[in-house]
Amino acid sequence: MPPLPIIIDCDPGQDDAINLLLAFASPEAVRVLAVTTVAGNVPVELTQRNARLVCELAEREDVPVHAGCARPLMVSPLTAEHVHGDTGIDGLPVHEPAMPLQPLHAVDFLVETLLATDEPITLVATGPLTNLALALARDPGIARGIERIVLMGGAMREAGNITPCAEFNMRADPHAADMVLRSGVPIVMLGLDVTHELLVTRTRLARMKAIGNPVARAAHDMLAFSERYDLAKYGKDGAPLHDPCTMAWLLRPDLFRTRACHVAIETGSPLTLGHSVVDFWNVEAGPRHVQWAHEVDAEGFFDLLFERLARFSVVSCAVTG
C-alpha cells in the first residue's frame, strides 16, 4: 500500500517532537504533507519554531510548517512551561531555524488542502484542537477530505493531568474539542488511559541514548528534561509519553485496544471544564463516533519507537551539532 497522507497538527512540546520524529522515520507508512502548529504547551510563536527545529533535526526541511491559532476559542490561554520549560523543548539546543515558516495561516492551509485533495487525508492532532475546529467551522465541506482524526487527548479512568478531571489538550480549548467531536468525522482518541502506561523509565531512557545517532540522543535529552516534573508528580519510575501514541496507532494499531464509544467534552462547568465524558459501556443512545483507546502494549510501543529512532543517520544533526 502507498504511504498514508497525513497532516500533523501539534504544539511542540517534547512529546510532540518525538511524535514528529516517529512520523519522519516511517516514510514507507506515512507521507507527512505538512505540520501545522497551535498555541498549547507554549505560545504559537514557540510551537512553530520548535516544529521547524524538529524538521531540521530530522533533515526534513521539505515538510512545510504553518503557524496557526494563538489562543483558544473562548477560554483564557493555558500553557505548560512548568512541564516543558520556557522553550517548550528544553533539553534541545534552541536557535532560530534556517528553514522558513510558511506564510499561509494553518487554518487557511487546512481548508484549502482538504477541499482540494483527491485522496482523504488523516489528521494527527497532538495539541489543543483550535486549528481543526476553526477549519471545520469555516467550511464543513472539508470533512469530505478527512479520512479520520487521530488525536491525543482526554481521559476516563485517569481523570485528568491539568485539573483533577481534565486532560491538558481538552482543557486548553474545550470548545474546540467539543466542535471537533461533534463534526461527524471518524475519530481515534488516545488519552491518559493509555499514555499513563507508556512510562519513560530510566532503563528505556538509557536504551534510547544507546541507539547512538544524533536524533536519538536529542530525543533522550528532551525526555530527560520533561520527565522531571511527572516523576515528582506521580512518584513512578518513569513519566508518561503522550503524543507519540498517535503515530504508534497509525503504524501499529495492533498495539492498542479500542472500543467504539460516545465521547463528549464538558464546556459549561467551571469545576469540570474540559472533562471527557466517555460512555464506555454505551449506557446512553448517543452515536459511537470515537474509537477510544483503553489498553496498550507498552513494550511493543517502545520497541517500535526505538527501532524507528535507529533509522536516522549517524552522520549529521544540525540542531545538536
Protein backbone atom coordinates (compact mmCIF):
# COMPACT_ATOMS: atom_id res chain seq x y z
CA MET A 1 0.00 0.00 0.00
CA PRO A 2 1.21 3.56 -0.66
CA PRO A 3 2.11 5.71 2.34
CA LEU A 4 -0.84 7.25 4.15
CA PRO A 5 -1.06 11.03 3.59
CA ILE A 6 -1.14 12.84 6.92
CA ILE A 7 -1.03 16.37 8.35
CA ILE A 8 0.29 16.71 11.90
CA ASP A 9 -1.28 19.48 14.00
CA CYS A 10 0.76 19.99 17.16
CA ASP A 11 2.13 22.25 19.92
CA PRO A 12 5.74 21.09 20.44
CA GLY A 13 6.41 20.15 23.39
CA GLN A 14 8.98 17.41 23.81
CA ASP A 15 6.45 14.63 23.31
CA ASP A 16 5.12 16.31 20.14
CA ALA A 17 8.73 16.43 18.92
CA ILE A 18 9.13 12.68 19.48
CA ASN A 19 5.88 12.12 17.60
CA LEU A 20 7.19 14.12 14.63
CA LEU A 21 10.41 12.09 14.64
CA LEU A 22 8.41 8.85 14.68
CA ALA A 23 6.48 10.03 11.63
CA PHE A 24 9.59 11.19 9.75
CA ALA A 25 11.25 7.83 10.43
CA SER A 26 8.35 5.94 8.80
CA PRO A 27 8.21 7.08 5.15
CA GLU A 28 7.06 3.67 3.95
CA ALA A 29 3.92 4.03 6.09
CA VAL A 30 3.09 7.75 6.20
CA ARG A 31 3.65 10.75 3.95
CA VAL A 32 3.78 13.93 6.02
CA LEU A 33 2.20 16.62 3.85
CA ALA A 34 2.69 19.41 6.38
CA VAL A 35 2.98 20.31 10.04
CA THR A 36 0.59 22.87 11.49
CA THR A 37 1.09 24.34 14.93
CA VAL A 38 -1.14 25.82 17.59
CA ALA A 39 -0.75 27.52 20.95
CA GLY A 40 -0.73 24.94 23.71
CA ASN A 41 2.28 23.72 25.63
CA VAL A 42 3.84 27.11 24.84
CA PRO A 43 2.65 30.07 22.73
CA VAL A 44 2.32 29.60 18.98
CA GLU A 45 5.42 31.73 18.29
CA LEU A 46 7.42 29.00 20.00
CA THR A 47 5.48 25.96 18.76
CA GLN A 48 6.04 26.92 15.12
CA ARG A 49 9.74 27.50 15.77
CA ASN A 50 10.02 24.20 17.62
CA ALA A 51 8.33 22.31 14.78
CA ARG A 52 10.85 23.76 12.32
CA LEU A 53 13.73 22.82 14.63
CA VAL A 54 12.49 19.22 14.72
CA CYS A 55 12.16 19.16 10.92
CA GLU A 56 15.77 20.33 10.69
CA LEU A 57 16.85 17.77 13.27
CA ALA A 58 15.31 15.02 11.14
CA GLU A 59 16.62 16.58 7.90
CA ARG A 60 13.05 17.03 6.67
CA GLU A 61 13.12 20.66 5.64
CA ASP A 62 10.93 19.62 2.71
CA VAL A 63 7.90 19.40 5.04
CA PRO A 64 6.17 22.82 5.23
CA VAL A 65 5.33 24.24 8.66
CA HIS A 66 2.32 26.56 9.06
CA ALA A 67 1.61 28.51 12.26
CA GLY A 68 -1.99 28.58 13.42
CA CYS A 69 -4.11 29.91 16.24
CA ALA A 70 -2.52 31.92 19.03
CA ARG A 71 -5.28 31.42 21.60
CA PRO A 72 -8.23 29.14 22.31
CA LEU A 73 -11.72 29.91 21.10
CA MET A 74 -13.38 31.08 24.32
CA VAL A 75 -11.26 30.40 27.40
CA SER A 76 -8.10 32.09 28.62
CA PRO A 77 -4.84 30.70 27.23
CA LEU A 78 -3.33 27.79 29.14
CA THR A 79 0.31 26.78 28.73
CA ALA A 80 2.60 24.19 30.31
CA GLU A 81 6.06 25.68 30.70
CA HIS A 82 6.17 24.04 34.14
CA VAL A 83 6.45 20.72 32.28
CA HIS A 84 8.17 21.60 29.00
CA GLY A 85 10.38 24.52 30.04
CA ASP A 86 10.37 28.07 28.73
CA THR A 87 11.24 26.99 25.19
CA GLY A 88 8.75 24.13 25.07
CA ILE A 89 11.54 21.74 24.09
CA ASP A 90 14.05 22.31 26.89
CA GLY A 91 16.78 19.72 26.63
CA LEU A 92 17.33 20.56 22.97
CA PRO A 93 19.60 23.46 21.92
CA VAL A 94 17.33 26.16 20.53
CA HIS A 95 18.07 28.71 17.80
CA GLU A 96 16.13 30.37 15.01
CA PRO A 97 15.81 27.70 12.29
CA ALA A 98 17.11 28.32 8.80
CA MET A 99 14.02 26.54 7.49
CA PRO A 100 11.37 29.18 6.72
CA LEU A 101 7.90 29.36 8.20
CA GLN A 102 5.19 29.20 5.55
CA PRO A 103 3.20 32.43 5.18
CA LEU A 104 -0.24 30.82 5.00
CA HIS A 105 -2.11 30.53 8.31
CA ALA A 106 -2.62 26.92 9.41
CA VAL A 107 -6.42 27.18 9.30
CA ASP A 108 -6.32 28.53 5.74
CA PHE A 109 -3.89 25.79 4.77
CA LEU A 110 -6.12 23.09 6.23
CA VAL A 111 -9.22 24.40 4.47
CA GLU A 112 -7.52 24.81 1.10
CA THR A 113 -5.75 21.45 1.27
CA LEU A 114 -8.71 19.40 2.47
CA LEU A 115 -11.07 20.92 -0.10
CA ALA A 116 -8.65 20.27 -2.95
CA THR A 117 -7.43 16.79 -2.09
CA ASP A 118 -8.24 13.83 -4.32
CA GLU A 119 -7.46 11.36 -1.53
CA PRO A 120 -8.71 11.62 2.05
CA ILE A 121 -6.07 12.84 4.49
CA THR A 122 -5.57 11.65 8.06
CA LEU A 123 -5.17 14.45 10.59
CA VAL A 124 -2.90 13.67 13.53
CA ALA A 125 -3.60 16.11 16.37
CA THR A 126 -1.41 16.26 19.48
CA GLY A 127 -2.31 19.68 20.89
CA PRO A 128 -5.44 21.72 21.56
CA LEU A 129 -7.90 21.34 18.69
CA THR A 130 -8.32 25.04 17.88
CA ASN A 131 -6.96 24.88 14.33
CA LEU A 132 -9.11 21.88 13.41
CA ALA A 133 -12.27 23.34 14.95
CA LEU A 134 -11.91 26.65 13.11
CA ALA A 135 -11.18 24.91 9.82
CA LEU A 136 -14.32 22.77 10.19
CA ALA A 137 -16.36 25.83 11.17
CA ARG A 138 -15.09 27.87 8.23
CA ASP A 139 -16.05 25.18 5.72
CA PRO A 140 -17.74 22.00 6.97
CA GLY A 141 -17.17 20.58 3.48
CA ILE A 142 -13.57 19.83 4.41
CA ALA A 143 -14.86 16.80 6.30
CA ARG A 144 -15.06 15.02 2.93
CA GLY A 145 -11.28 15.37 2.66
CA ILE A 146 -10.59 13.87 6.09
CA GLU A 147 -10.07 10.12 6.38
CA ARG A 148 -10.04 10.32 10.18
CA ILE A 149 -8.65 12.36 13.04
CA VAL A 150 -6.21 10.55 15.31
CA LEU A 151 -5.77 12.65 18.41
CA MET A 152 -4.04 12.59 21.75
CA GLY A 153 -6.41 13.86 24.39
CA GLY A 154 -8.91 13.11 27.08
CA ALA A 155 -9.09 10.72 29.98
CA MET A 156 -11.54 8.29 31.52
CA ARG A 157 -10.00 6.12 34.25
CA GLU A 158 -7.07 8.51 34.71
CA ALA A 159 -9.31 11.56 35.27
CA GLY A 160 -7.02 14.48 34.47
CA ASN A 161 -3.48 15.84 34.45
CA ILE A 162 -4.01 19.62 34.41
CA THR A 163 -7.10 19.69 36.66
CA PRO A 164 -8.49 16.86 38.79
CA CYS A 165 -10.86 15.92 35.96
CA ALA A 166 -9.42 17.21 32.67
CA GLU A 167 -6.54 16.30 30.39
CA PHE A 168 -4.44 19.25 29.16
CA ASN A 169 -5.38 19.31 25.46
CA MET A 170 -9.11 19.10 26.19
CA ARG A 171 -8.92 21.72 28.96
CA ALA A 172 -6.74 24.09 26.91
CA ASP A 173 -9.55 24.54 24.37
CA PRO A 174 -12.67 22.63 25.44
CA HIS A 175 -14.96 24.40 22.98
CA ALA A 176 -12.73 23.44 20.06
CA ALA A 177 -12.64 19.83 21.27
CA ASP A 178 -16.42 19.83 21.53
CA MET A 179 -16.75 21.13 17.96
CA VAL A 180 -14.37 18.51 16.57
CA LEU A 181 -16.04 15.66 18.44
CA ARG A 182 -19.44 16.74 17.09
CA SER A 183 -18.20 17.14 13.49
CA GLY A 184 -19.10 13.63 12.35
CA VAL A 185 -15.53 12.92 11.25
CA PRO A 186 -14.26 9.48 12.35
CA ILE A 187 -12.02 9.91 15.39
CA VAL A 188 -9.48 7.76 17.20
CA MET A 189 -8.84 9.15 20.67
CA LEU A 190 -5.76 8.17 22.66
CA GLY A 191 -5.82 9.69 26.11
CA LEU A 192 -4.28 9.32 29.52
CA ASP A 193 -5.76 5.85 29.95
CA VAL A 194 -3.09 4.55 27.58
CA THR A 195 -0.37 7.20 27.79
CA HIS A 196 -0.03 6.67 31.55
CA GLU A 197 1.02 3.11 30.70
CA LEU A 198 3.83 4.38 28.43
CA LEU A 199 6.43 5.26 31.03
CA VAL A 200 9.87 6.55 30.04
CA THR A 201 11.76 4.63 32.70
CA ARG A 202 15.48 5.01 33.36
CA THR A 203 16.04 1.74 31.53
CA ARG A 204 14.13 2.96 28.48
CA LEU A 205 15.91 6.32 28.53
CA ALA A 206 19.26 4.53 28.59
CA ARG A 207 18.15 2.32 25.73
CA MET A 208 17.20 5.41 23.71
CA LYS A 209 20.56 7.07 24.36
CA ALA A 210 22.41 3.89 23.44
CA ILE A 211 20.99 3.99 19.90
CA GLY A 212 23.82 6.44 19.36
CA ASN A 213 22.72 8.63 16.48
CA PRO A 214 22.23 12.38 16.98
CA VAL A 215 18.45 12.24 16.65
CA ALA A 216 18.10 9.55 19.31
CA ARG A 217 20.44 11.48 21.61
CA ALA A 218 18.34 14.62 21.10
CA ALA A 219 15.18 12.63 21.88
CA HIS A 220 16.85 11.33 25.04
CA ASP A 221 17.88 14.81 26.16
CA MET A 222 14.40 16.26 25.62
CA LEU A 223 12.66 13.49 27.53
CA ALA A 224 15.24 13.51 30.32
CA PHE A 225 14.28 17.16 30.88
CA SER A 226 10.50 16.95 30.52
CA GLU A 227 10.00 13.88 32.68
CA ARG A 228 11.43 15.51 35.81
CA TYR A 229 8.02 17.10 36.50
CA ASP A 230 5.97 13.94 36.14
CA LEU A 231 8.46 11.86 38.11
CA ALA A 232 7.88 14.13 41.08
CA LYS A 233 4.12 14.34 40.43
CA TYR A 234 3.32 10.65 40.02
CA GLY A 235 6.14 9.07 42.01
CA LYS A 236 6.72 6.35 39.43
CA ASP A 237 9.90 5.11 37.78
CA GLY A 238 9.19 6.99 34.59
CA ALA A 239 7.00 9.74 33.18
CA PRO A 240 4.15 9.19 30.67
CA LEU A 241 4.93 9.67 26.98
CA HIS A 242 1.75 11.10 25.50
CA ASP A 243 1.79 12.30 21.91
CA PRO A 244 3.73 9.51 20.13
CA CYS A 245 0.83 7.16 20.82
CA THR A 246 -0.94 8.78 17.84
CA MET A 247 1.72 7.80 15.33
CA ALA A 248 2.16 4.45 17.02
CA TRP A 249 -1.55 3.76 16.49
CA LEU A 250 -1.23 4.60 12.79
CA LEU A 251 1.86 2.42 12.41
CA ARG A 252 0.84 -0.46 14.69
CA PRO A 253 -2.83 -0.35 15.65
CA ASP A 254 -2.45 -3.89 16.97
CA LEU A 255 -0.55 -2.41 19.94
CA PHE A 256 -3.79 -0.84 21.20
CA ARG A 257 -7.26 -1.97 22.22
CA THR A 258 -10.04 0.43 21.38
CA ARG A 259 -13.78 0.50 21.91
CA ALA A 260 -16.41 2.42 19.93
CA CYS A 261 -17.84 4.97 22.35
CA HIS A 262 -19.71 8.22 22.51
CA VAL A 263 -17.38 10.92 23.89
CA ALA A 264 -18.37 14.46 24.85
CA ILE A 265 -16.37 17.33 26.33
CA GLU A 266 -17.67 19.48 29.18
CA THR A 267 -17.80 23.15 28.20
CA GLY A 268 -20.16 24.69 30.75
CA SER A 269 -19.00 23.78 34.24
CA PRO A 270 -16.17 25.78 35.85
CA LEU A 271 -15.49 22.78 38.09
CA THR A 272 -15.19 20.14 35.35
CA LEU A 273 -14.32 22.25 32.28
CA GLY A 274 -12.64 20.07 29.64
CA HIS A 275 -13.70 16.79 31.23
CA SER A 276 -14.01 13.88 28.77
CA VAL A 277 -17.33 12.10 29.23
CA VAL A 278 -16.66 8.64 27.80
CA ASP A 279 -19.70 6.38 27.53
CA PHE A 280 -17.52 3.28 27.73
CA TRP A 281 -20.39 0.88 28.45
CA ASN A 282 -22.79 2.51 25.98
CA VAL A 283 -25.41 3.25 28.60
CA GLU A 284 -26.88 6.12 26.54
CA ALA A 285 -28.11 6.31 22.97
CA GLY A 286 -25.51 8.70 21.54
CA PRO A 287 -23.57 7.83 18.38
CA ARG A 288 -20.47 5.72 18.99
CA HIS A 289 -18.33 8.04 16.92
CA VAL A 290 -14.98 7.65 18.68
CA GLN A 291 -12.62 4.71 18.86
CA TRP A 292 -11.48 5.15 22.45
CA ALA A 293 -8.11 3.58 23.31
CA HIS A 294 -8.14 1.86 26.68
CA GLU A 295 -5.22 -0.61 26.61
CA VAL A 296 -1.71 -0.56 25.12
CA ASP A 297 1.22 -2.95 24.76
CA ALA A 298 3.87 -0.73 26.34
CA GLU A 299 6.83 -2.96 25.49
CA GLY A 300 5.72 -3.18 21.87
CA PHE A 301 5.29 0.59 21.75
CA PHE A 302 8.82 1.29 22.95
CA ASP A 303 10.28 -1.40 20.68
CA LEU A 304 8.65 0.41 17.75
CA LEU A 305 9.90 3.81 18.91
CA PHE A 306 13.48 2.65 19.37
CA GLU A 307 13.52 0.82 16.03
CA ARG A 308 12.37 3.96 14.23
CA LEU A 309 14.82 6.26 16.04
CA ALA A 310 17.61 3.90 14.99
CA ARG A 311 16.77 4.61 11.35
CA PHE A 312 18.16 8.15 11.49
CA SER A 313 21.62 8.93 10.14
CA VAL A 314 24.60 8.73 12.48
CA VAL A 315 26.37 11.35 10.40
CA SER A 316 24.65 14.72 10.84
CA CYS A 317 22.32 16.62 13.09
CA ALA A 318 22.03 20.35 12.60
CA VAL A 319 20.36 21.08 15.92
CA THR A 320 22.58 19.11 18.28
CA GLY A 321 25.83 19.75 16.37
